[in-house]
Structure formats: structure tokens, C-alpha cells
C-alpha atoms as a PDB file:
ATOM      1  CA  MET A   1      -9.372 -15.838   0.120  1.00  0.00           C
ATOM      2  CA  ASN A   2      -9.191 -13.326   2.915  1.00  0.00           C
ATOM      3  CA  ASP A   3     -10.275  -9.762   2.075  1.00  0.00           C
ATOM      4  CA  ILE A   4      -9.119  -8.401   5.425  1.00  0.00           C
ATOM      5  CA  PRO A   5      -5.879  -6.377   5.278  1.00  0.00           C
ATOM      6  CA  ALA A   6      -3.136  -6.796   7.874  1.00  0.00           C
ATOM      7  CA  THR A   7      -3.125  -3.110   8.864  1.00  0.00           C
ATOM      8  CA  PRO A   8      -5.828  -1.846  11.218  1.00  0.00           C
ATOM      9  CA  LEU A   9      -8.737  -0.151   9.494  1.00  0.00           C
ATOM     10  CA  SER A  10     -10.584   2.930  10.642  1.00  0.00           C
ATOM     11  CA  ASN A  11     -14.161   2.446  11.806  1.00  0.00           C
ATOM     12  CA  ALA A  12     -15.430   4.128   8.627  1.00  0.00           C
ATOM     13  CA  GLU A  13     -13.313   1.799   6.489  1.00  0.00           C
ATOM     14  CA  LEU A  14     -14.621  -1.230   8.396  1.00  0.00           C
ATOM     15  CA  VAL A  15     -18.188  -0.158   7.685  1.00  0.00           C
ATOM     16  CA  ARG A  16     -17.380   0.528   4.023  1.00  0.00           C
ATOM     17  CA  GLN A  17     -15.786  -2.887   3.550  1.00  0.00           C
ATOM     18  CA  ILE A  18     -18.652  -4.659   5.320  1.00  0.00           C
ATOM     19  CA  GLN A  19     -21.141  -2.892   3.043  1.00  0.00           C
ATOM     20  CA  ASP A  20     -19.052  -3.765  -0.023  1.00  0.00           C
ATOM     21  CA  LEU A  21     -18.912  -7.443   0.959  1.00  0.00           C
ATOM     22  CA  GLN A  22     -22.659  -7.484   1.605  1.00  0.00           C
ATOM     23  CA  ALA A  23     -23.327  -5.898  -1.791  1.00  0.00           C
ATOM     24  CA  ARG A  24     -21.095  -8.435  -3.530  1.00  0.00           C
ATOM     25  CA  ALA A  25     -22.828 -11.347  -1.758  1.00  0.00           C
ATOM     26  CA  PHE A  26     -26.212  -9.890  -2.726  1.00  0.00           C
ATOM     27  CA  GLU A  27     -25.067  -9.682  -6.368  1.00  0.00           C
ATOM     28  CA  VAL A  28     -24.113 -13.364  -6.277  1.00  0.00           C
ATOM     29  CA  TYR A  29     -27.591 -14.305  -5.054  1.00  0.00           C
ATOM     30  CA  GLU A  30     -29.271 -11.907  -7.477  1.00  0.00           C
ATOM     31  CA  ASP A  31     -27.383 -13.435 -10.397  1.00  0.00           C
ATOM     32  CA  ALA A  32     -28.348 -16.904  -9.166  1.00  0.00           C
ATOM     33  CA  ALA A  33     -32.009 -15.895  -9.024  1.00  0.00           C
ATOM     34  CA  LEU A  34     -31.879 -14.686 -12.616  1.00  0.00           C
ATOM     35  CA  GLN A  35     -30.153 -17.883 -13.744  1.00  0.00           C
ATOM     36  CA  ALA A  36     -32.643 -20.039 -11.838  1.00  0.00           C
ATOM     37  CA  GLU A  37     -35.532 -18.160 -13.417  1.00  0.00           C
ATOM     38  CA  ALA A  38     -34.062 -18.807 -16.861  1.00  0.00           C
ATOM     39  CA  ASP A  39     -33.407 -22.509 -16.107  1.00  0.00           C
ATOM     40  CA  PRO A  40     -35.842 -23.723 -13.412  1.00  0.00           C
ATOM     41  CA  ALA A  41     -34.693 -27.336 -13.801  1.00  0.00           C
ATOM     42  CA  ARG A  42     -31.239 -26.381 -12.511  1.00  0.00           C
ATOM     43  CA  ALA A  43     -32.444 -23.908  -9.857  1.00  0.00           C
ATOM     44  CA  GLU A  44     -31.346 -26.022  -6.893  1.00  0.00           C
ATOM     45  CA  ALA A  45     -27.825 -26.478  -8.268  1.00  0.00           C
ATOM     46  CA  ILE A  46     -27.608 -22.795  -9.189  1.00  0.00           C
ATOM     47  CA  TYR A  47     -28.540 -21.706  -5.662  1.00  0.00           C
ATOM     48  CA  ARG A  48     -26.126 -24.223  -4.135  1.00  0.00           C
ATOM     49  CA  GLN A  49     -23.296 -22.772  -6.266  1.00  0.00           C
ATOM     50  CA  ALA A  50     -24.328 -19.261  -5.248  1.00  0.00           C
ATOM     51  CA  GLU A  51     -24.123 -20.233  -1.574  1.00  0.00           C
ATOM     52  CA  GLN A  52     -20.625 -21.603  -2.120  1.00  0.00           C
ATOM     53  CA  ARG A  53     -19.533 -18.433  -3.953  1.00  0.00           C
ATOM     54  CA  ALA A  54     -21.071 -16.120  -1.354  1.00  0.00           C
ATOM     55  CA  ALA A  55     -19.811 -18.011   1.719  1.00  0.00           C
ATOM     56  CA  PRO A  56     -16.291 -16.441   1.743  1.00  0.00           C
ATOM     57  CA  LEU A  57     -17.789 -12.962   1.291  1.00  0.00           C
ATOM     58  CA  ILE A  58     -20.217 -13.516   4.149  1.00  0.00           C
ATOM     59  CA  GLU A  59     -17.472 -14.917   6.392  1.00  0.00           C
ATOM     60  CA  SER A  60     -15.195 -11.940   5.681  1.00  0.00           C
ATOM     61  CA  ALA A  61     -18.043  -9.546   6.474  1.00  0.00           C
ATOM     62  CA  ARG A  62     -18.725 -11.445   9.713  1.00  0.00           C
ATOM     63  CA  VAL A  63     -15.079 -11.175  10.784  1.00  0.00           C
ATOM     64  CA  LEU A  64     -15.007  -7.451  10.012  1.00  0.00           C
ATOM     65  CA  ASN A  65     -18.284  -6.908  11.842  1.00  0.00           C
ATOM     66  CA  ASP A  66     -16.975  -8.823  14.872  1.00  0.00           C
ATOM     67  CA  GLU A  67     -14.001  -6.431  14.975  1.00  0.00           C
ATOM     68  CA  ARG A  68     -16.337  -3.446  14.642  1.00  0.00           C
ATOM     69  CA  VAL A  69     -18.507  -4.708  17.511  1.00  0.00           C
ATOM     70  CA  ARG A  70     -15.403  -5.333  19.659  1.00  0.00           C
ATOM     71  CA  ARG A  71     -14.262  -1.743  19.079  1.00  0.00           C
ATOM     72  CA  LEU A  72     -17.700  -0.294  19.816  1.00  0.00           C
ATOM     73  CA  ARG A  73     -17.957  -2.261  23.050  1.00  0.00           C
ATOM     74  CA  ALA A  74     -14.501  -1.086  24.119  1.00  0.00           C
ATOM     75  CA  ARG A  75     -15.494   2.518  23.347  1.00  0.00           C
ATOM     76  CA  ALA A  76     -18.718   2.152  25.349  1.00  0.00           C
ATOM     77  CA  ARG A  77     -16.743   0.683  28.263  1.00  0.00           C
ATOM     78  CA  ARG A  78     -14.341   3.668  28.194  1.00  0.00           C
ATOM     79  CA  TRP A  79     -17.242   6.140  28.147  1.00  0.00           C
ATOM     80  CA  ARG A  80     -18.909   4.368  31.092  1.00  0.00           C
ATOM     81  CA  ILE A  81     -15.666   4.612  33.070  1.00  0.00           C
ATOM     82  CA  ILE A  82     -15.314   8.307  32.191  1.00  0.00           C
ATOM     83  CA  ALA A  83     -18.955   8.988  33.176  1.00  0.00           C
ATOM     84  CA  LEU A  84     -18.526   7.143  36.473  1.00  0.00           C
ATOM     85  CA  ALA A  85     -15.275   8.966  37.263  1.00  0.00           C
ATOM     86  CA  THR A  86     -16.905  12.301  36.430  1.00  0.00           C
ATOM     87  CA  ALA A  87     -19.860  11.508  38.704  1.00  0.00           C
ATOM     88  CA  VAL A  88     -17.570  10.488  41.572  1.00  0.00           C
ATOM     89  CA  VAL A  89     -15.365  13.576  41.231  1.00  0.00           C
ATOM     90  CA  GLY A  90     -18.417  15.835  40.844  1.00  0.00           C
ATOM     91  CA  GLY A  91     -20.029  14.308  43.924  1.00  0.00           C
ATOM     92  CA  ALA A  92     -16.844  14.744  45.924  1.00  0.00           C
ATOM     93  CA  VAL A  93     -16.559  18.381  44.856  1.00  0.00           C
ATOM     94  CA  LEU A  94     -20.207  18.968  45.729  1.00  0.00           C
ATOM     95  CA  LEU A  95     -19.746  17.403  49.171  1.00  0.00           C
ATOM     96  CA  TRP A  96     -16.629  19.488  49.727  1.00  0.00           C
ATOM     97  CA  LEU A  97     -18.493  22.684  48.791  1.00  0.00           C
ATOM     98  CA  VAL A  98     -21.397  21.827  51.104  1.00  0.00           C
ATOM     99  CA  ALA A  99     -18.997  20.979  53.943  1.00  0.00           C
ATOM    100  CA  ALA A 100     -16.977  24.170  53.394  1.00  0.00           C
ATOM    101  CA  ARG A 101     -20.110  26.368  53.692  1.00  0.00           C
ATOM    102  CA  GLY A 102     -21.454  24.633  56.767  1.00  0.00           C
END
């Protein structure tokens, strides 16, 4: 059961899907807590079933978050390169201006 579509998602859609998966996993655990409260003798089995039901949701959210982190790191790397290139070009222009006046 893979909730991840084959087409690339926007960053906003990634965040939305991660939040949706987290909410669904939380609902599973919340339902389990209510069931366990109603039947304390079966609490351990109820929570074990909840873990099994939530595991695919959590795994899908992890995969989506890994993609989100990969994209953010790539964006940060591009911005660092742009900042470095701007600093180098700006320094060269500044040196050229100082040399041209002197």
C-alpha cells in the first residue's frame, strides 16, 4: 500500500500529504487508546494492532519527508553556490574599481 504517486509533487503537496499521513496515524492510535480504555484486558493486543495499522502510514510519511529533505538540501546547496559566486564576482569588481582609480 503505497500512497506516493508516480508524478513529482510540489513542495506544498509533499507537506500536505505528510501532514495527512501523520493525522491518519494519530487517528489510529487515538482510536486504539479509546478501545484500550474500554477494554483494559485487551489493551496490549489493541495497541499492537494499532502499530501494525499505522506502520504503512508512518513509512509513507517517512519516504515523503526524505524526499522533502533531499529537495531542501539541494536548494540550500544551490543558494550557497549562488552566494559564493556573487561574493567572488563582487570582490573582483571591487578590486577592479580600486585598481582603476589608483
